[in-house]
Amino acid sequence: MKDNITDQLKGVYDTARRWISLEIQYAKLTAAEKITILLSTLILGAVCMLLGMVILILFSFSLVDLFKTFLHPALAYLSVGGILVVLIALIVILRRPLLENPISRLISKLILEIKPRDNEQK
């Protein structure tokens, strides 16, 4: 009888140790997945921002060339600079709905999302 209880306690201890080990592995994999998603989103955003700046520069020069047809060249550059200042001011004014809210939604969705496990789905 005493050997039976000892064997059962050893079995419970081994099972609990194995379960804790699996939980730690699951937490590590989940953290790695979320960090990968976050970093890939940041890299994609940085690449898009870099390409957007190049496009904005090319668009600005073409707009200057367009304005040169009916304005003095210095005024054409000043007007395009003014348009860019207005765009920057709009981005600063609308930074919460354009930047902060989507970023906070992404991070909170990424951190707080709980995926059901395979055996709990049934």
N, C-alpha and C. Protein backbone atom coordinates (compact mmCIF):
# COMPACT_ATOMS: atom_id res chain seq x y z
N MET A 1 0.82 -1.19 0.00
CA MET A 1 0.00 0.00 0.00
C MET A 1 0.87 1.26 0.00
N LYS A 2 1.92 1.24 0.85
CA LYS A 2 2.81 2.39 0.93
C LYS A 2 3.57 2.59 -0.38
N ASP A 3 3.98 1.48 -1.00
CA ASP A 3 4.68 1.57 -2.28
C ASP A 3 3.77 2.12 -3.37
N ASN A 4 2.50 1.77 -3.31
CA ASN A 4 1.53 2.23 -4.29
C ASN A 4 1.34 3.75 -4.20
N ILE A 5 1.26 4.29 -3.00
CA ILE A 5 1.11 5.74 -2.81
C ILE A 5 2.37 6.45 -3.25
N THR A 6 3.52 5.91 -2.94
CA THR A 6 4.78 6.51 -3.35
C THR A 6 4.91 6.52 -4.86
N ASP A 7 4.55 5.45 -5.51
CA ASP A 7 4.58 5.40 -6.97
C ASP A 7 3.61 6.40 -7.59
N GLN A 8 2.44 6.53 -6.97
CA GLN A 8 1.46 7.50 -7.48
C GLN A 8 1.98 8.93 -7.31
N LEU A 9 2.59 9.23 -6.17
CA LEU A 9 3.14 10.57 -5.94
C LEU A 9 4.27 10.86 -6.93
N LYS A 10 5.11 9.88 -7.19
CA LYS A 10 6.19 10.06 -8.17
C LYS A 10 5.60 10.30 -9.56
N GLY A 11 4.55 9.57 -9.88
CA GLY A 11 3.89 9.77 -11.17
C GLY A 11 3.28 11.14 -11.30
N VAL A 12 2.64 11.62 -10.22
CA VAL A 12 2.06 12.97 -10.23
C VAL A 12 3.17 14.01 -10.35
N TYR A 13 4.26 13.81 -9.62
CA TYR A 13 5.39 14.74 -9.67
C TYR A 13 6.00 14.78 -11.07
N ASP A 14 6.21 13.64 -11.68
CA ASP A 14 6.77 13.59 -13.04
C ASP A 14 5.83 14.22 -14.06
N THR A 15 4.54 13.96 -13.89
CA THR A 15 3.55 14.54 -14.80
C THR A 15 3.51 16.07 -14.65
N ALA A 16 3.55 16.54 -13.40
CA ALA A 16 3.54 17.99 -13.16
C ALA A 16 4.79 18.65 -13.72
N ARG A 17 5.95 18.00 -13.54
CA ARG A 17 7.19 18.54 -14.09
C ARG A 17 7.14 18.61 -15.61
N ARG A 18 6.63 17.57 -16.22
CA ARG A 18 6.50 17.54 -17.68
C ARG A 18 5.54 18.61 -18.16
N TRP A 19 4.43 18.78 -17.45
CA TRP A 19 3.43 19.79 -17.83
C TRP A 19 4.02 21.20 -17.73
N ILE A 20 4.76 21.47 -16.65
CA ILE A 20 5.39 22.79 -16.49
C ILE A 20 6.42 23.02 -17.59
N SER A 21 7.19 22.01 -17.92
CA SER A 21 8.17 22.13 -19.00
C SER A 21 7.49 22.44 -20.33
N LEU A 22 6.38 21.77 -20.60
CA LEU A 22 5.64 22.03 -21.85
C LEU A 22 5.04 23.43 -21.86
N GLU A 23 4.55 23.89 -20.71
CA GLU A 23 4.00 25.24 -20.63
C GLU A 23 5.07 26.29 -20.89
N ILE A 24 6.26 26.07 -20.37
CA ILE A 24 7.37 27.00 -20.60
C ILE A 24 7.75 27.01 -22.07
N GLN A 25 7.81 25.85 -22.71
CA GLN A 25 8.11 25.79 -24.14
C GLN A 25 7.03 26.49 -24.95
N TYR A 26 5.77 26.31 -24.57
CA TYR A 26 4.67 26.96 -25.28
C TYR A 26 4.76 28.48 -25.14
N ALA A 27 5.11 28.96 -23.94
CA ALA A 27 5.26 30.40 -23.73
C ALA A 27 6.41 30.96 -24.56
N LYS A 28 7.51 30.22 -24.65
CA LYS A 28 8.64 30.66 -25.46
C LYS A 28 8.26 30.73 -26.94
N LEU A 29 7.56 29.72 -27.42
CA LEU A 29 7.16 29.72 -28.84
C LEU A 29 6.17 30.84 -29.13
N THR A 30 5.25 31.07 -28.22
CA THR A 30 4.28 32.15 -28.40
C THR A 30 4.98 33.50 -28.41
N ALA A 31 5.93 33.70 -27.49
CA ALA A 31 6.68 34.96 -27.46
C ALA A 31 7.49 35.14 -28.74
N ALA A 32 8.12 34.08 -29.21
CA ALA A 32 8.90 34.17 -30.45
C ALA A 32 8.01 34.51 -31.63
N GLU A 33 6.83 33.92 -31.69
CA GLU A 33 5.90 34.21 -32.78
C GLU A 33 5.46 35.67 -32.76
N LYS A 34 5.14 36.18 -31.57
CA LYS A 34 4.67 37.56 -31.47
C LYS A 34 5.78 38.55 -31.75
N ILE A 35 6.99 38.26 -31.31
CA ILE A 35 8.12 39.14 -31.59
C ILE A 35 8.40 39.14 -33.10
N THR A 36 8.30 37.99 -33.74
CA THR A 36 8.51 37.90 -35.18
C THR A 36 7.48 38.73 -35.94
N ILE A 37 6.22 38.64 -35.54
CA ILE A 37 5.17 39.42 -36.19
C ILE A 37 5.41 40.91 -35.99
N LEU A 38 5.77 41.30 -34.77
CA LEU A 38 6.01 42.72 -34.49
C LEU A 38 7.20 43.25 -35.28
N LEU A 39 8.30 42.50 -35.31
CA LEU A 39 9.48 42.96 -36.05
C LEU A 39 9.24 43.00 -37.55
N SER A 40 8.52 42.02 -38.09
CA SER A 40 8.24 42.05 -39.52
C SER A 40 7.33 43.23 -39.87
N THR A 41 6.40 43.56 -38.99
CA THR A 41 5.54 44.72 -39.22
C THR A 41 6.36 46.01 -39.17
N LEU A 42 7.28 46.11 -38.22
CA LEU A 42 8.13 47.30 -38.13
C LEU A 42 9.04 47.43 -39.35
N ILE A 43 9.60 46.34 -39.81
CA ILE A 43 10.47 46.38 -40.98
C ILE A 43 9.68 46.76 -42.22
N LEU A 44 8.49 46.19 -42.37
CA LEU A 44 7.64 46.54 -43.51
C LEU A 44 7.26 48.02 -43.47
N GLY A 45 6.95 48.53 -42.29
CA GLY A 45 6.63 49.95 -42.14
C GLY A 45 7.81 50.83 -42.48
N ALA A 46 9.00 50.43 -42.06
CA ALA A 46 10.20 51.22 -42.36
C ALA A 46 10.49 51.23 -43.86
N VAL A 47 10.35 50.09 -44.51
CA VAL A 47 10.58 50.02 -45.96
C VAL A 47 9.55 50.88 -46.70
N CYS A 48 8.30 50.77 -46.29
CA CYS A 48 7.25 51.59 -46.93
C CYS A 48 7.50 53.07 -46.70
N MET A 49 7.97 53.43 -45.51
CA MET A 49 8.25 54.84 -45.22
C MET A 49 9.41 55.34 -46.08
N LEU A 50 10.44 54.52 -46.23
CA LEU A 50 11.58 54.91 -47.05
C LEU A 50 11.17 55.09 -48.52
N LEU A 51 10.42 54.14 -49.04
CA LEU A 51 9.94 54.26 -50.42
C LEU A 51 8.99 55.43 -50.57
N GLY A 52 8.18 55.68 -49.56
CA GLY A 52 7.27 56.82 -49.60
C GLY A 52 8.01 58.14 -49.64
N MET A 53 9.14 58.22 -48.91
CA MET A 53 9.92 59.46 -48.94
C MET A 53 10.55 59.66 -50.32
N VAL A 54 11.03 58.59 -50.93
CA VAL A 54 11.59 58.72 -52.28
C VAL A 54 10.50 59.17 -53.26
N ILE A 55 9.33 58.57 -53.15
CA ILE A 55 8.22 58.95 -54.02
C ILE A 55 7.83 60.41 -53.78
N LEU A 56 7.81 60.83 -52.51
CA LEU A 56 7.47 62.22 -52.19
C LEU A 56 8.49 63.19 -52.78
N ILE A 57 9.76 62.84 -52.73
CA ILE A 57 10.79 63.70 -53.31
C ILE A 57 10.61 63.81 -54.83
N LEU A 58 10.40 62.66 -55.48
CA LEU A 58 10.21 62.69 -56.94
C LEU A 58 8.94 63.46 -57.31
N PHE A 59 7.87 63.25 -56.54
CA PHE A 59 6.63 63.98 -56.79
C PHE A 59 6.83 65.47 -56.59
N SER A 60 7.61 65.85 -55.58
CA SER A 60 7.87 67.27 -55.32
C SER A 60 8.62 67.91 -56.48
N PHE A 61 9.63 67.22 -56.99
CA PHE A 61 10.37 67.79 -58.13
C PHE A 61 9.50 67.90 -59.38
N SER A 62 8.64 66.92 -59.60
CA SER A 62 7.76 67.02 -60.77
C SER A 62 6.74 68.13 -60.58
N LEU A 63 6.29 68.34 -59.34
CA LEU A 63 5.36 69.44 -59.07
C LEU A 63 6.05 70.79 -59.25
N VAL A 64 7.33 70.88 -58.87
CA VAL A 64 8.09 72.10 -59.10
C VAL A 64 8.20 72.37 -60.59
N ASP A 65 8.51 71.35 -61.38
CA ASP A 65 8.59 71.53 -62.82
C ASP A 65 7.26 71.99 -63.40
N LEU A 66 6.17 71.46 -62.87
CA LEU A 66 4.85 71.90 -63.33
C LEU A 66 4.60 73.36 -62.97
N PHE A 67 4.94 73.74 -61.74
CA PHE A 67 4.73 75.13 -61.30
C PHE A 67 5.66 76.10 -62.03
N LYS A 68 6.82 75.62 -62.50
CA LYS A 68 7.74 76.50 -63.23
C LYS A 68 7.15 77.00 -64.54
N THR A 69 6.16 76.29 -65.07
CA THR A 69 5.57 76.71 -66.35
C THR A 69 4.79 78.01 -66.21
N PHE A 70 4.25 78.29 -65.02
CA PHE A 70 3.49 79.53 -64.87
C PHE A 70 3.94 80.37 -63.67
N LEU A 71 5.01 79.99 -62.96
CA LEU A 71 5.57 80.77 -61.86
C LEU A 71 7.07 80.91 -62.04
N HIS A 72 7.63 81.86 -61.33
CA HIS A 72 9.08 82.00 -61.28
C HIS A 72 9.64 80.77 -60.56
N PRO A 73 10.82 80.27 -60.96
CA PRO A 73 11.35 79.04 -60.34
C PRO A 73 11.46 79.12 -58.80
N ALA A 74 11.86 80.26 -58.28
CA ALA A 74 11.97 80.38 -56.82
C ALA A 74 10.59 80.25 -56.17
N LEU A 75 9.57 80.85 -56.78
CA LEU A 75 8.22 80.74 -56.24
C LEU A 75 7.68 79.32 -56.37
N ALA A 76 8.10 78.63 -57.42
CA ALA A 76 7.67 77.24 -57.59
C ALA A 76 8.22 76.37 -56.46
N TYR A 77 9.49 76.55 -56.14
CA TYR A 77 10.08 75.79 -55.03
C TYR A 77 9.43 76.17 -53.70
N LEU A 78 9.17 77.47 -53.50
CA LEU A 78 8.53 77.92 -52.26
C LEU A 78 7.12 77.35 -52.13
N SER A 79 6.37 77.31 -53.22
CA SER A 79 5.01 76.80 -53.15
C SER A 79 4.99 75.30 -52.85
N VAL A 80 5.90 74.56 -53.45
CA VAL A 80 5.97 73.12 -53.15
C VAL A 80 6.42 72.91 -51.70
N GLY A 81 7.34 73.71 -51.23
CA GLY A 81 7.75 73.64 -49.82
C GLY A 81 6.59 73.95 -48.90
N GLY A 82 5.76 74.93 -49.27
CA GLY A 82 4.57 75.24 -48.48
C GLY A 82 3.58 74.10 -48.44
N ILE A 83 3.40 73.45 -49.58
CA ILE A 83 2.50 72.28 -49.63
C ILE A 83 3.01 71.18 -48.72
N LEU A 84 4.33 70.95 -48.73
CA LEU A 84 4.91 69.92 -47.86
C LEU A 84 4.77 70.29 -46.38
N VAL A 85 4.92 71.56 -46.06
CA VAL A 85 4.73 71.99 -44.67
C VAL A 85 3.29 71.77 -44.23
N VAL A 86 2.33 72.04 -45.11
CA VAL A 86 0.92 71.80 -44.78
C VAL A 86 0.67 70.30 -44.58
N LEU A 87 1.27 69.46 -45.43
CA LEU A 87 1.12 68.01 -45.26
C LEU A 87 1.71 67.53 -43.94
N ILE A 88 2.88 68.06 -43.57
CA ILE A 88 3.49 67.68 -42.30
C ILE A 88 2.63 68.14 -41.13
N ALA A 89 2.07 69.36 -41.23
CA ALA A 89 1.19 69.86 -40.17
C ALA A 89 -0.06 68.98 -40.04
N LEU A 90 -0.62 68.54 -41.16
CA LEU A 90 -1.78 67.64 -41.10
C LEU A 90 -1.43 66.31 -40.45
N ILE A 91 -0.27 65.78 -40.76
CA ILE A 91 0.14 64.52 -40.15
C ILE A 91 0.34 64.69 -38.64
N VAL A 92 0.93 65.82 -38.24
CA VAL A 92 1.12 66.07 -36.80
C VAL A 92 -0.22 66.24 -36.11
N ILE A 93 -1.14 66.95 -36.73
CA ILE A 93 -2.45 67.18 -36.12
C ILE A 93 -3.23 65.87 -36.04
N LEU A 94 -3.16 65.05 -37.07
CA LEU A 94 -3.92 63.80 -37.13
C LEU A 94 -3.08 62.59 -36.73
N ARG A 95 -2.04 62.79 -35.92
CA ARG A 95 -1.16 61.67 -35.58
C ARG A 95 -1.86 60.60 -34.76
N ARG A 96 -2.82 60.97 -33.93
CA ARG A 96 -3.49 59.96 -33.11
C ARG A 96 -4.29 58.99 -33.98
N PRO A 97 -5.20 59.45 -34.85
CA PRO A 97 -5.94 58.47 -35.66
C PRO A 97 -5.10 57.81 -36.76
N LEU A 98 -4.06 58.51 -37.23
CA LEU A 98 -3.26 57.95 -38.32
C LEU A 98 -2.14 57.03 -37.84
N LEU A 99 -1.53 57.33 -36.69
CA LEU A 99 -0.37 56.57 -36.25
C LEU A 99 -0.57 55.86 -34.92
N GLU A 100 -0.96 56.61 -33.89
CA GLU A 100 -0.99 56.04 -32.54
C GLU A 100 -2.05 54.96 -32.40
N ASN A 101 -3.26 55.20 -32.88
CA ASN A 101 -4.33 54.20 -32.72
C ASN A 101 -4.03 52.89 -33.46
N PRO A 102 -3.61 52.92 -34.74
CA PRO A 102 -3.30 51.63 -35.39
C PRO A 102 -2.14 50.88 -34.73
N ILE A 103 -1.12 51.61 -34.28
CA ILE A 103 0.01 50.95 -33.64
C ILE A 103 -0.41 50.34 -32.32
N SER A 104 -1.19 51.08 -31.53
CA SER A 104 -1.63 50.53 -30.24
C SER A 104 -2.58 49.35 -30.44
N ARG A 105 -3.43 49.40 -31.46
CA ARG A 105 -4.31 48.25 -31.74
C ARG A 105 -3.50 47.03 -32.13
N LEU A 106 -2.47 47.22 -32.97
CA LEU A 106 -1.63 46.10 -33.39
C LEU A 106 -0.92 45.47 -32.20
N ILE A 107 -0.31 46.30 -31.36
CA ILE A 107 0.45 45.77 -30.23
C ILE A 107 -0.48 45.12 -29.21
N SER A 108 -1.62 45.75 -28.91
CA SER A 108 -2.52 45.14 -27.93
C SER A 108 -3.14 43.86 -28.48
N LYS A 109 -3.46 43.83 -29.77
CA LYS A 109 -3.99 42.60 -30.37
C LYS A 109 -2.94 41.50 -30.34
N LEU A 110 -1.70 41.88 -30.60
CA LEU A 110 -0.62 40.91 -30.63
C LEU A 110 -0.33 40.36 -29.24
N ILE A 111 -0.33 41.22 -28.24
CA ILE A 111 0.01 40.78 -26.89
C ILE A 111 -1.15 40.08 -26.21
N LEU A 112 -2.36 40.61 -26.37
CA LEU A 112 -3.51 40.09 -25.63
C LEU A 112 -4.26 38.97 -26.33
N GLU A 113 -3.92 38.67 -27.57
CA GLU A 113 -4.61 37.62 -28.30
C GLU A 113 -4.27 36.26 -27.71
N ILE A 114 -5.30 35.52 -27.36
CA ILE A 114 -5.11 34.18 -26.79
C ILE A 114 -5.65 33.18 -27.79
N LYS A 115 -4.76 32.37 -28.32
CA LYS A 115 -5.17 31.37 -29.29
C LYS A 115 -5.54 30.09 -28.55
N PRO A 116 -6.67 29.48 -28.87
CA PRO A 116 -7.00 28.22 -28.20
C PRO A 116 -6.06 27.12 -28.66
N ARG A 117 -5.74 26.23 -27.76
CA ARG A 117 -4.85 25.12 -28.10
C ARG A 117 -5.66 24.04 -28.81
N ASP A 118 -4.93 23.13 -29.43
CA ASP A 118 -5.59 22.07 -30.23
C ASP A 118 -6.51 21.21 -29.39
N ASN A 119 -6.07 20.80 -28.21
CA ASN A 119 -6.91 19.91 -27.41
C ASN A 119 -8.06 20.63 -26.73
N GLU A 120 -8.01 21.97 -26.63
CA GLU A 120 -9.10 22.73 -26.01
C GLU A 120 -10.14 23.14 -27.03
N GLN A 121 -9.89 22.98 -28.32
CA GLN A 121 -10.84 23.39 -29.34
C GLN A 121 -12.01 22.43 -29.43
N LYS A 122 -11.84 21.21 -29.04
CA LYS A 122 -12.88 20.19 -29.19
C LYS A 122 -13.96 20.32 -28.17
